[in-house]
Amino acid sequence: MKKMFTSVFIICLVSLTIAQSKTTEASQLDISHTSYIRVATSYATGSNTSLYLFDPMNALQNQSFNATPSLGESILFNVGIGKMLTRNIGIEANFSYLHGLPINVYRFSATTSSGTTHINSEHRNKQFLFLPTSIFQVPLLQGKLTPYIKVGIIIPMMNETKMMYQIASEDKSITNQYEYQITNQLNLGINGCVGIRYKLSNHLSVFFEAEEDNIRSFHKTASLTKQSISGSVSGQEKMLPNYMFVDKTYTNSSPNEVLNFPVSYNREAYNLGLNYFF
């Protein structure tokens, strides 16, 4: 998927360069409406990555898994405002609400003399993002069709993850469930986008975008919010109600301290929306 995105980006960049060198249409455009409001919705697929997951039963031995998708798989809702500074260069400020889809990752099965214990975890994240971006565009066909490129940063204003953790006996007759609320540190991301806009009227246009978001975050705390215990499962260790993720070498000084690790929220999003120019 990344190769496809890169190819589209290169093709769009080359097309923009050629169009800019060969067309004089931009000088004939009506640029009386240079500010706009945009609304969009999109579906994002998680990029392939090694996914680090918090394991509350064996917290001091966090493991990485080759999981697809990352925690970035989600539905996004976007609203923003933009301003074209010239016919070709502009800026945007976007706000996105990310409602993460449940990512069910099969963890492992632990075999003991008493049987096999099955462990599963499901992660679901919510983010409120601020995305300041710059835009480069080349209007074609008297401004009817406009391809563009956008580059910017991602500032998570809210970033939380809910984790459902399930421990079951070999025959699934006993199943214990725990729900942890995980908070994350503030970590900036990078945003890149190629898109095309079609003018419906002097005020209204529709657009489609292919977007790549690169976000890696670090956990801060994990708090137990719910639990349902039906019995004792072989090999299950004590579950602590609170964990602190620390940025230091593990010394086993505190049972609830967990060595911090990066968690991937990388994704590829496909946006469909409207611009209203004024």
C-alpha atoms as a PDB file:
ATOM      1  CA  MET A   1       0.000   0.000   0.000  1.00  0.00           C
ATOM      2  CA  LYS A   2       2.879   2.370   0.759  1.00  0.00           C
ATOM      3  CA  LYS A   3       4.370   1.656  -2.678  1.00  0.00           C
ATOM      4  CA  MET A   4       1.051   2.556  -4.292  1.00  0.00           C
ATOM      5  CA  PHE A   5       0.826   5.771  -2.273  1.00  0.00           C
ATOM      6  CA  THR A   6       4.418   6.684  -3.211  1.00  0.00           C
ATOM      7  CA  SER A   7       3.733   6.021  -6.891  1.00  0.00           C
ATOM      8  CA  VAL A   8       0.603   8.180  -6.839  1.00  0.00           C
ATOM      9  CA  PHE A   9       2.517  10.933  -5.056  1.00  0.00           C
ATOM     10  CA  ILE A  10       5.317  10.913  -7.660  1.00  0.00           C
ATOM     11  CA  ILE A  11       2.890  10.839 -10.602  1.00  0.00           C
ATOM     12  CA  CYS A  12       0.911  13.723  -9.132  1.00  0.00           C
ATOM     13  CA  LEU A  13       4.077  15.733  -8.497  1.00  0.00           C
ATOM     14  CA  VAL A  14       5.332  15.229 -12.047  1.00  0.00           C
ATOM     15  CA  SER A  15       1.900  16.095 -13.456  1.00  0.00           C
ATOM     16  CA  LEU A  16       1.779  19.278 -11.422  1.00  0.00           C
ATOM     17  CA  THR A  17       5.228  20.323 -12.608  1.00  0.00           C
ATOM     18  CA  ILE A  18       4.400  19.699 -16.256  1.00  0.00           C
ATOM     19  CA  ALA A  19       1.029  21.423 -15.966  1.00  0.00           C
ATOM     20  CA  GLN A  20       2.599  24.430 -14.277  1.00  0.00           C
ATOM     21  CA  SER A  21       5.192  24.816 -17.030  1.00  0.00           C
ATOM     22  CA  LYS A  22       2.769  24.443 -19.936  1.00  0.00           C
ATOM     23  CA  THR A  23      -0.426  26.202 -18.870  1.00  0.00           C
ATOM     24  CA  THR A  24      -1.217  29.897 -18.627  1.00  0.00           C
ATOM     25  CA  GLU A  25      -4.732  29.307 -17.437  1.00  0.00           C
ATOM     26  CA  ALA A  26      -3.937  30.192 -13.842  1.00  0.00           C
ATOM     27  CA  SER A  27      -3.468  33.829 -14.776  1.00  0.00           C
ATOM     28  CA  GLN A  28      -7.017  33.897 -16.128  1.00  0.00           C
ATOM     29  CA  LEU A  29      -8.702  32.461 -13.043  1.00  0.00           C
ATOM     30  CA  ASP A  30     -11.174  34.263 -10.840  1.00  0.00           C
ATOM     31  CA  ILE A  31      -9.418  34.355  -7.468  1.00  0.00           C
ATOM     32  CA  SER A  32     -11.998  36.449  -5.634  1.00  0.00           C
ATOM     33  CA  HIS A  33     -12.838  33.470  -3.393  1.00  0.00           C
ATOM     34  CA  THR A  34      -9.587  32.437  -1.704  1.00  0.00           C
ATOM     35  CA  SER A  35     -10.785  31.241   1.715  1.00  0.00           C
ATOM     36  CA  TYR A  36     -12.735  28.046   2.267  1.00  0.00           C
ATOM     37  CA  ILE A  37     -14.263  25.695   4.795  1.00  0.00           C
ATOM     38  CA  ARG A  38     -13.872  21.949   4.269  1.00  0.00           C
ATOM     39  CA  VAL A  39     -15.650  18.913   5.680  1.00  0.00           C
ATOM     40  CA  ALA A  40     -14.695  15.319   4.987  1.00  0.00           C
ATOM     41  CA  THR A  41     -15.012  11.766   6.184  1.00  0.00           C
ATOM     42  CA  SER A  42     -12.638   8.924   5.531  1.00  0.00           C
ATOM     43  CA  TYR A  43     -11.733   5.342   6.212  1.00  0.00           C
ATOM     44  CA  ALA A  44      -8.177   4.627   7.302  1.00  0.00           C
ATOM     45  CA  THR A  45      -6.359   1.318   7.032  1.00  0.00           C
ATOM     46  CA  GLY A  46      -3.474   0.592   9.375  1.00  0.00           C
ATOM     47  CA  SER A  47      -0.037   0.424   7.767  1.00  0.00           C
ATOM     48  CA  ASN A  48       1.979  -2.758   8.144  1.00  0.00           C
ATOM     49  CA  THR A  49       4.140  -2.487  11.229  1.00  0.00           C
ATOM     50  CA  SER A  50       5.590  -4.279  14.223  1.00  0.00           C
ATOM     51  CA  LEU A  51       3.016  -3.563  16.895  1.00  0.00           C
ATOM     52  CA  TYR A  52       4.042  -3.306  20.542  1.00  0.00           C
ATOM     53  CA  LEU A  53       1.281  -4.229  22.959  1.00  0.00           C
ATOM     54  CA  PHE A  54       0.860  -3.793  26.697  1.00  0.00           C
ATOM     55  CA  ASP A  55       0.326  -7.083  28.516  1.00  0.00           C
ATOM     56  CA  PRO A  56      -1.050  -6.460  32.047  1.00  0.00           C
ATOM     57  CA  MET A  57      -0.697 -10.105  33.114  1.00  0.00           C
ATOM     58  CA  ASN A  58       2.994 -10.153  32.319  1.00  0.00           C
ATOM     59  CA  ALA A  59       3.618  -6.436  32.093  1.00  0.00           C
ATOM     60  CA  LEU A  60       7.379  -6.515  32.466  1.00  0.00           C
ATOM     61  CA  GLN A  61       7.840  -8.643  29.364  1.00  0.00           C
ATOM     62  CA  ASN A  62       6.075  -6.597  26.703  1.00  0.00           C
ATOM     63  CA  GLN A  63       6.393  -8.185  23.305  1.00  0.00           C
ATOM     64  CA  SER A  64       6.237  -6.984  19.713  1.00  0.00           C
ATOM     65  CA  PHE A  65       3.976  -8.648  17.166  1.00  0.00           C
ATOM     66  CA  ASN A  66       3.882  -8.425  13.390  1.00  0.00           C
ATOM     67  CA  ALA A  67       0.302  -7.219  13.327  1.00  0.00           C
ATOM     68  CA  THR A  68      -1.723  -5.790  10.451  1.00  0.00           C
ATOM     69  CA  PRO A  69      -3.252  -3.304  10.745  1.00  0.00           C
ATOM     70  CA  SER A  70      -1.755  -0.978  13.340  1.00  0.00           C
ATOM     71  CA  LEU A  71      -3.959   0.799  15.856  1.00  0.00           C
ATOM     72  CA  GLY A  72      -4.470   3.452  13.187  1.00  0.00           C
ATOM     73  CA  GLU A  73      -7.307   1.567  11.497  1.00  0.00           C
ATOM     74  CA  SER A  74     -10.248   3.856  12.016  1.00  0.00           C
ATOM     75  CA  ILE A  75     -13.017   6.099  10.749  1.00  0.00           C
ATOM     76  CA  LEU A  76     -12.121   9.804  10.665  1.00  0.00           C
ATOM     77  CA  PHE A  77     -14.298  12.909  10.620  1.00  0.00           C
ATOM     78  CA  ASN A  78     -12.608  16.109   9.491  1.00  0.00           C
ATOM     79  CA  VAL A  79     -13.471  19.801   9.483  1.00  0.00           C
ATOM     80  CA  GLY A  80     -11.093  22.601   8.599  1.00  0.00           C
ATOM     81  CA  ILE A  81     -10.473  26.023   7.140  1.00  0.00           C
ATOM     82  CA  GLY A  82      -8.054  27.033   4.408  1.00  0.00           C
ATOM     83  CA  LYS A  83      -6.655  30.084   2.687  1.00  0.00           C
ATOM     84  CA  MET A  84      -4.996  30.317  -0.725  1.00  0.00           C
ATOM     85  CA  LEU A  85      -2.155  32.819  -0.382  1.00  0.00           C
ATOM     86  CA  THR A  86      -1.475  32.725  -4.126  1.00  0.00           C
ATOM     87  CA  ARG A  87      -3.003  30.797  -7.034  1.00  0.00           C
ATOM     88  CA  ASN A  88      -0.714  27.879  -6.237  1.00  0.00           C
ATOM     89  CA  ILE A  89       0.194  28.018  -2.532  1.00  0.00           C
ATOM     90  CA  GLY A  90      -2.065  27.919   0.489  1.00  0.00           C
ATOM     91  CA  ILE A  91      -2.400  26.837   4.115  1.00  0.00           C
ATOM     92  CA  GLU A  92      -4.968  24.760   5.986  1.00  0.00           C
ATOM     93  CA  ALA A  93      -5.897  24.088   9.603  1.00  0.00           C
ATOM     94  CA  ASN A  94      -7.818  20.848  10.085  1.00  0.00           C
ATOM     95  CA  PHE A  95      -9.371  19.165  13.088  1.00  0.00           C
ATOM     96  CA  SER A  96      -9.984  15.416  12.929  1.00  0.00           C
ATOM     97  CA  TYR A  97     -11.825  13.097  15.261  1.00  0.00           C
ATOM     98  CA  LEU A  98     -10.576   9.538  14.981  1.00  0.00           C
ATOM     99  CA  HIS A  99     -12.938   6.815  16.179  1.00  0.00           C
ATOM    100  CA  GLY A 100     -10.777   3.721  16.179  1.00  0.00           C
ATOM    101  CA  LEU A 101     -12.111   0.369  15.048  1.00  0.00           C
ATOM    102  CA  PRO A 102     -11.583  -2.569  17.428  1.00  0.00           C
ATOM    103  CA  ILE A 103      -8.276  -4.267  16.663  1.00  0.00           C
ATOM    104  CA  ASN A 104      -8.412  -7.858  17.856  1.00  0.00           C
ATOM    105  CA  VAL A 105      -4.913  -9.261  18.225  1.00  0.00           C
ATOM    106  CA  TYR A 106      -4.503 -12.892  19.209  1.00  0.00           C
ATOM    107  CA  ARG A 107      -1.738 -12.867  21.777  1.00  0.00           C
ATOM    108  CA  PHE A 108      -0.618 -16.355  22.690  1.00  0.00           C
ATOM    109  CA  SER A 109      -1.481 -19.645  24.356  1.00  0.00           C
ATOM    110  CA  ALA A 110       0.453 -20.607  27.484  1.00  0.00           C
ATOM    111  CA  THR A 111       0.715 -24.340  28.160  1.00  0.00           C
ATOM    112  CA  THR A 112       1.263 -25.609  31.711  1.00  0.00           C
ATOM    113  CA  SER A 113       0.899 -28.945  33.444  1.00  0.00           C
ATOM    114  CA  SER A 114      -2.694 -27.972  34.242  1.00  0.00           C
ATOM    115  CA  GLY A 115      -3.640 -27.159  30.656  1.00  0.00           C
ATOM    116  CA  THR A 116      -3.546 -24.339  28.144  1.00  0.00           C
ATOM    117  CA  THR A 117      -4.439 -20.721  28.854  1.00  0.00           C
ATOM    118  CA  HIS A 118      -5.667 -18.563  25.959  1.00  0.00           C
ATOM    119  CA  ILE A 119      -4.995 -14.817  26.024  1.00  0.00           C
ATOM    120  CA  ASN A 120      -6.568 -12.297  23.677  1.00  0.00           C
ATOM    121  CA  SER A 121      -6.565  -8.506  23.635  1.00  0.00           C
ATOM    122  CA  GLU A 122      -8.661  -5.981  21.755  1.00  0.00           C
ATOM    123  CA  HIS A 123      -7.555  -2.370  21.393  1.00  0.00           C
ATOM    124  CA  ARG A 124      -9.714   0.583  20.429  1.00  0.00           C
ATOM    125  CA  ASN A 125      -8.360   4.114  20.327  1.00  0.00           C
ATOM    126  CA  LYS A 126      -9.834   7.616  20.152  1.00  0.00           C
ATOM    127  CA  GLN A 127      -7.929  10.676  18.997  1.00  0.00           C
ATOM    128  CA  PHE A 128      -8.708  14.338  18.478  1.00  0.00           C
ATOM    129  CA  LEU A 129      -6.094  15.699  16.072  1.00  0.00           C
ATOM    130  CA  PHE A 130      -4.994  19.142  14.914  1.00  0.00           C
ATOM    131  CA  LEU A 131      -3.345  19.161  11.477  1.00  0.00           C
ATOM    132  CA  PRO A 132      -1.756  22.391  10.198  1.00  0.00           C
ATOM    133  CA  THR A 133      -0.712  21.829   6.582  1.00  0.00           C
ATOM    134  CA  SER A 134       0.616  23.654   3.548  1.00  0.00           C
ATOM    135  CA  ILE A 135      -0.870  23.067   0.095  1.00  0.00           C
ATOM    136  CA  PHE A 136       0.541  23.358  -3.431  1.00  0.00           C
ATOM    137  CA  GLN A 137      -1.941  23.229  -6.299  1.00  0.00           C
ATOM    138  CA  VAL A 138      -2.114  23.795 -10.063  1.00  0.00           C
ATOM    139  CA  PRO A 139      -5.602  24.742 -11.387  1.00  0.00           C
ATOM    140  CA  LEU A 140      -6.379  23.191 -14.788  1.00  0.00           C
ATOM    141  CA  LEU A 141      -9.223  23.614 -17.302  1.00  0.00           C
ATOM    142  CA  GLN A 142      -9.955  27.192 -16.214  1.00  0.00           C
ATOM    143  CA  GLY A 143      -9.927  26.094 -12.585  1.00  0.00           C
ATOM    144  CA  LYS A 144     -12.461  23.316 -13.081  1.00  0.00           C
ATOM    145  CA  LEU A 145     -10.023  20.593 -12.054  1.00  0.00           C
ATOM    146  CA  THR A 146      -7.279  21.147  -9.482  1.00  0.00           C
ATOM    147  CA  PRO A 147      -4.713  18.510  -8.430  1.00  0.00           C
ATOM    148  CA  TYR A 148      -2.758  19.321  -5.280  1.00  0.00           C
ATOM    149  CA  ILE A 149      -0.249  18.129  -2.713  1.00  0.00           C
ATOM    150  CA  LYS A 150      -0.385  18.753   1.043  1.00  0.00           C
ATOM    151  CA  VAL A 151       2.284  18.309   3.713  1.00  0.00           C
ATOM    152  CA  GLY A 152       1.956  19.020   7.420  1.00  0.00           C
ATOM    153  CA  ILE A 153       2.283  17.827  10.993  1.00  0.00           C
ATOM    154  CA  ILE A 154      -0.130  16.002  13.295  1.00  0.00           C
ATOM    155  CA  ILE A 155      -0.702  17.243  16.844  1.00  0.00           C
ATOM    156  CA  PRO A 156      -2.790  14.805  18.955  1.00  0.00           C
ATOM    157  CA  MET A 157      -4.846  16.984  21.319  1.00  0.00           C
ATOM    158  CA  MET A 158      -6.474  13.888  22.816  1.00  0.00           C
ATOM    159  CA  ASN A 159      -5.120  10.355  22.501  1.00  0.00           C
ATOM    160  CA  GLU A 160      -6.612   7.501  24.539  1.00  0.00           C
ATOM    161  CA  THR A 161      -6.826   3.757  24.067  1.00  0.00           C
ATOM    162  CA  LYS A 162      -9.270   1.284  25.562  1.00  0.00           C
ATOM    163  CA  MET A 163      -7.944  -2.256  25.897  1.00  0.00           C
ATOM    164  CA  MET A 164     -10.141  -5.311  26.454  1.00  0.00           C
ATOM    165  CA  TYR A 165      -8.037  -8.152  27.865  1.00  0.00           C
ATOM    166  CA  GLN A 166      -9.382 -11.703  28.022  1.00  0.00           C
ATOM    167  CA  ILE A 167      -7.934 -14.780  29.726  1.00  0.00           C
ATOM    168  CA  ALA A 168      -9.645 -18.129  29.151  1.00  0.00           C
ATOM    169  CA  SER A 169      -9.118 -21.732  30.210  1.00  0.00           C
ATOM    170  CA  GLU A 170      -8.340 -24.397  27.643  1.00  0.00           C
ATOM    171  CA  ASP A 171     -11.990 -25.417  27.147  1.00  0.00           C
ATOM    172  CA  LYS A 172     -13.195 -21.764  27.455  1.00  0.00           C
ATOM    173  CA  SER A 173     -15.370 -22.737  30.426  1.00  0.00           C
ATOM    174  CA  ILE A 174     -13.685 -20.022  32.512  1.00  0.00           C
ATOM    175  CA  THR A 175     -13.199 -16.598  30.959  1.00  0.00           C
ATOM    176  CA  ASN A 176     -11.934 -13.567  32.851  1.00  0.00           C
ATOM    177  CA  GLN A 177     -12.189 -10.128  31.246  1.00  0.00           C
ATOM    178  CA  TYR A 178     -10.456  -6.878  32.137  1.00  0.00           C
ATOM    179  CA  GLU A 179     -10.796  -3.396  30.658  1.00  0.00           C
ATOM    180  CA  TYR A 180      -7.941  -0.902  30.881  1.00  0.00           C
ATOM    181  CA  GLN A 181      -8.003   2.785  29.965  1.00  0.00           C
ATOM    182  CA  ILE A 182      -4.606   3.770  28.542  1.00  0.00           C
ATOM    183  CA  THR A 183      -3.429   7.367  28.254  1.00  0.00           C
ATOM    184  CA  ASN A 184      -0.654   8.374  25.881  1.00  0.00           C
ATOM    185  CA  GLN A 185       2.073  10.981  25.842  1.00  0.00           C
ATOM    186  CA  LEU A 186       1.953  13.875  23.397  1.00  0.00           C
ATOM    187  CA  ASN A 187       3.861  12.867  20.272  1.00  0.00           C
ATOM    188  CA  LEU A 188       3.832  14.743  16.971  1.00  0.00           C
ATOM    189  CA  GLY A 189       3.231  12.984  13.662  1.00  0.00           C
ATOM    190  CA  ILE A 190       3.779  13.687   9.972  1.00  0.00           C
ATOM    191  CA  ASN A 191       1.017  14.014   7.377  1.00  0.00           C
ATOM    192  CA  GLY A 192       1.283  13.813   3.574  1.00  0.00           C
ATOM    193  CA  CYS A 193      -1.528  13.914   1.042  1.00  0.00           C
ATOM    194  CA  VAL A 194      -2.229  13.971  -2.696  1.00  0.00           C
ATOM    195  CA  GLY A 195      -5.674  14.985  -3.893  1.00  0.00           C
ATOM    196  CA  ILE A 196      -7.828  16.334  -6.672  1.00  0.00           C
ATOM    197  CA  ARG A 197     -10.633  18.892  -6.441  1.00  0.00           C
ATOM    198  CA  TYR A 198     -13.507  19.374  -8.906  1.00  0.00           C
ATOM    199  CA  LYS A 199     -15.262  22.746  -9.063  1.00  0.00           C
ATOM    200  CA  LEU A 200     -19.068  22.543  -8.950  1.00  0.00           C
ATOM    201  CA  SER A 201     -19.667  26.307  -8.721  1.00  0.00           C
ATOM    202  CA  ASN A 202     -17.839  29.479  -7.693  1.00  0.00           C
ATOM    203  CA  HIS A 203     -18.402  28.541  -4.058  1.00  0.00           C
ATOM    204  CA  LEU A 204     -18.585  24.744  -3.956  1.00  0.00           C
ATOM    205  CA  SER A 205     -16.201  21.957  -4.927  1.00  0.00           C
ATOM    206  CA  VAL A 206     -15.823  18.247  -4.178  1.00  0.00           C
ATOM    207  CA  PHE A 207     -12.492  16.552  -3.489  1.00  0.00           C
ATOM    208  CA  PHE A 208     -10.870  13.154  -3.072  1.00  0.00           C
ATOM    209  CA  GLU A 209      -7.587  12.612  -1.216  1.00  0.00           C
ATOM    210  CA  ALA A 210      -5.146   9.790  -0.509  1.00  0.00           C
ATOM    211  CA  GLU A 211      -3.415  10.513   2.789  1.00  0.00           C
ATOM    212  CA  GLU A 212      -0.520   8.959   4.698  1.00  0.00           C
ATOM    213  CA  ASP A 213      -0.245   9.561   8.454  1.00  0.00           C
ATOM    214  CA  ASN A 214       2.792   8.566  10.468  1.00  0.00           C
ATOM    215  CA  ILE A 215       2.146   8.643  14.212  1.00  0.00           C
ATOM    216  CA  ARG A 216       4.077   6.795  16.901  1.00  0.00           C
ATOM    217  CA  SER A 217       3.110   7.401  20.503  1.00  0.00           C
ATOM    218  CA  PHE A 218       4.259   6.322  23.951  1.00  0.00           C
ATOM    219  CA  HIS A 219       1.905   5.149  26.693  1.00  0.00           C
ATOM    220  CA  LYS A 220       1.708   7.081  29.970  1.00  0.00           C
ATOM    221  CA  THR A 221      -0.666   5.224  32.312  1.00  0.00           C
ATOM    222  CA  ALA A 222      -2.988   2.208  32.283  1.00  0.00           C
ATOM    223  CA  SER A 223      -5.911   2.036  34.724  1.00  0.00           C
ATOM    224  CA  LEU A 224      -8.252  -0.882  35.308  1.00  0.00           C
ATOM    225  CA  THR A 225     -11.830   0.357  34.791  1.00  0.00           C
ATOM    226  CA  LYS A 226     -13.857  -2.887  34.608  1.00  0.00           C
ATOM    227  CA  GLN A 227     -13.368  -6.556  35.342  1.00  0.00           C
ATOM    228  CA  SER A 228     -15.405  -9.736  35.156  1.00  0.00           C
ATOM    229  CA  ILE A 229     -13.903 -12.775  36.891  1.00  0.00           C
ATOM    230  CA  SER A 230     -15.614 -16.158  36.614  1.00  0.00           C
ATOM    231  CA  GLY A 231     -12.904 -18.340  38.137  1.00  0.00           C
ATOM    232  CA  SER A 232      -9.226 -19.177  38.446  1.00  0.00           C
ATOM    233  CA  VAL A 233      -7.287 -19.778  35.237  1.00  0.00           C
ATOM    234  CA  SER A 234      -4.127 -21.841  35.285  1.00  0.00           C
ATOM    235  CA  GLY A 235      -1.005 -19.709  35.023  1.00  0.00           C
ATOM    236  CA  GLN A 236      -2.782 -16.386  35.525  1.00  0.00           C
ATOM    237  CA  GLU A 237      -0.749 -13.848  37.452  1.00  0.00           C
ATOM    238  CA  LYS A 238      -2.173 -11.066  39.578  1.00  0.00           C
ATOM    239  CA  MET A 239      -3.602  -8.147  37.595  1.00  0.00           C
ATOM    240  CA  LEU A 240      -2.680  -4.781  39.069  1.00  0.00           C
ATOM    241  CA  PRO A 241      -5.216  -1.910  38.936  1.00  0.00           C
ATOM    242  CA  ASN A 242      -2.718   0.702  37.750  1.00  0.00           C
ATOM    243  CA  TYR A 243       0.461   0.748  35.697  1.00  0.00           C
ATOM    244  CA  MET A 244       2.963   3.528  35.036  1.00  0.00           C
ATOM    245  CA  PHE A 245       5.040   3.512  31.845  1.00  0.00           C
ATOM    246  CA  VAL A 246       8.552   4.736  32.574  1.00  0.00           C
ATOM    247  CA  ASP A 247      11.345   5.897  30.264  1.00  0.00           C
ATOM    248  CA  LYS A 248      14.227   4.180  31.997  1.00  0.00           C
ATOM    249  CA  THR A 249      16.003   0.850  32.146  1.00  0.00           C
ATOM    250  CA  TYR A 250      13.902  -1.774  33.887  1.00  0.00           C
ATOM    251  CA  THR A 251      15.221  -2.474  37.381  1.00  0.00           C
ATOM    252  CA  ASN A 252      12.287  -4.407  38.884  1.00  0.00           C
ATOM    253  CA  SER A 253      12.039  -1.719  41.581  1.00  0.00           C
ATOM    254  CA  SER A 254       8.255  -1.422  41.385  1.00  0.00           C
ATOM    255  CA  PRO A 255       5.723  -4.089  40.313  1.00  0.00           C
ATOM    256  CA  ASN A 256       3.477  -1.584  38.533  1.00  0.00           C
ATOM    257  CA  GLU A 257       6.203   0.143  36.512  1.00  0.00           C
ATOM    258  CA  VAL A 258       6.385  -0.884  32.865  1.00  0.00           C
ATOM    259  CA  LEU A 259       9.217  -0.034  30.510  1.00  0.00           C
ATOM    260  CA  ASN A 260       7.870   2.331  27.864  1.00  0.00           C
ATOM    261  CA  PHE A 261       7.799   1.459  24.169  1.00  0.00           C
ATOM    262  CA  PRO A 262       6.515   3.103  20.972  1.00  0.00           C
ATOM    263  CA  VAL A 263       3.056   2.173  19.714  1.00  0.00           C
ATOM    264  CA  SER A 264       2.223   2.607  16.033  1.00  0.00           C
ATOM    265  CA  TYR A 265      -0.850   4.492  14.820  1.00  0.00           C
ATOM    266  CA  ASN A 266       0.388   4.651  11.194  1.00  0.00           C
ATOM    267  CA  ARG A 267      -2.386   4.629   8.615  1.00  0.00           C
ATOM    268  CA  GLU A 268      -3.410   5.315   5.033  1.00  0.00           C
ATOM    269  CA  ALA A 269      -6.652   7.265   4.722  1.00  0.00           C
ATOM    270  CA  TYR A 270      -8.936   7.951   1.760  1.00  0.00           C
ATOM    271  CA  ASN A 271     -10.893  11.177   2.188  1.00  0.00           C
ATOM    272  CA  LEU A 272     -14.034  12.337   0.406  1.00  0.00           C
ATOM    273  CA  GLY A 273     -15.431  15.790   1.134  1.00  0.00           C
ATOM    274  CA  LEU A 274     -16.622  19.247   0.152  1.00  0.00           C
ATOM    275  CA  ASN A 275     -15.035  22.708   0.092  1.00  0.00           C
ATOM    276  CA  TYR A 276     -17.076  25.893   0.416  1.00  0.00           C
ATOM    277  CA  PHE A 277     -15.189  28.952  -0.888  1.00  0.00           C
ATOM    278  CA  PHE A 278     -15.966  32.476   0.290  1.00  0.00           C
END
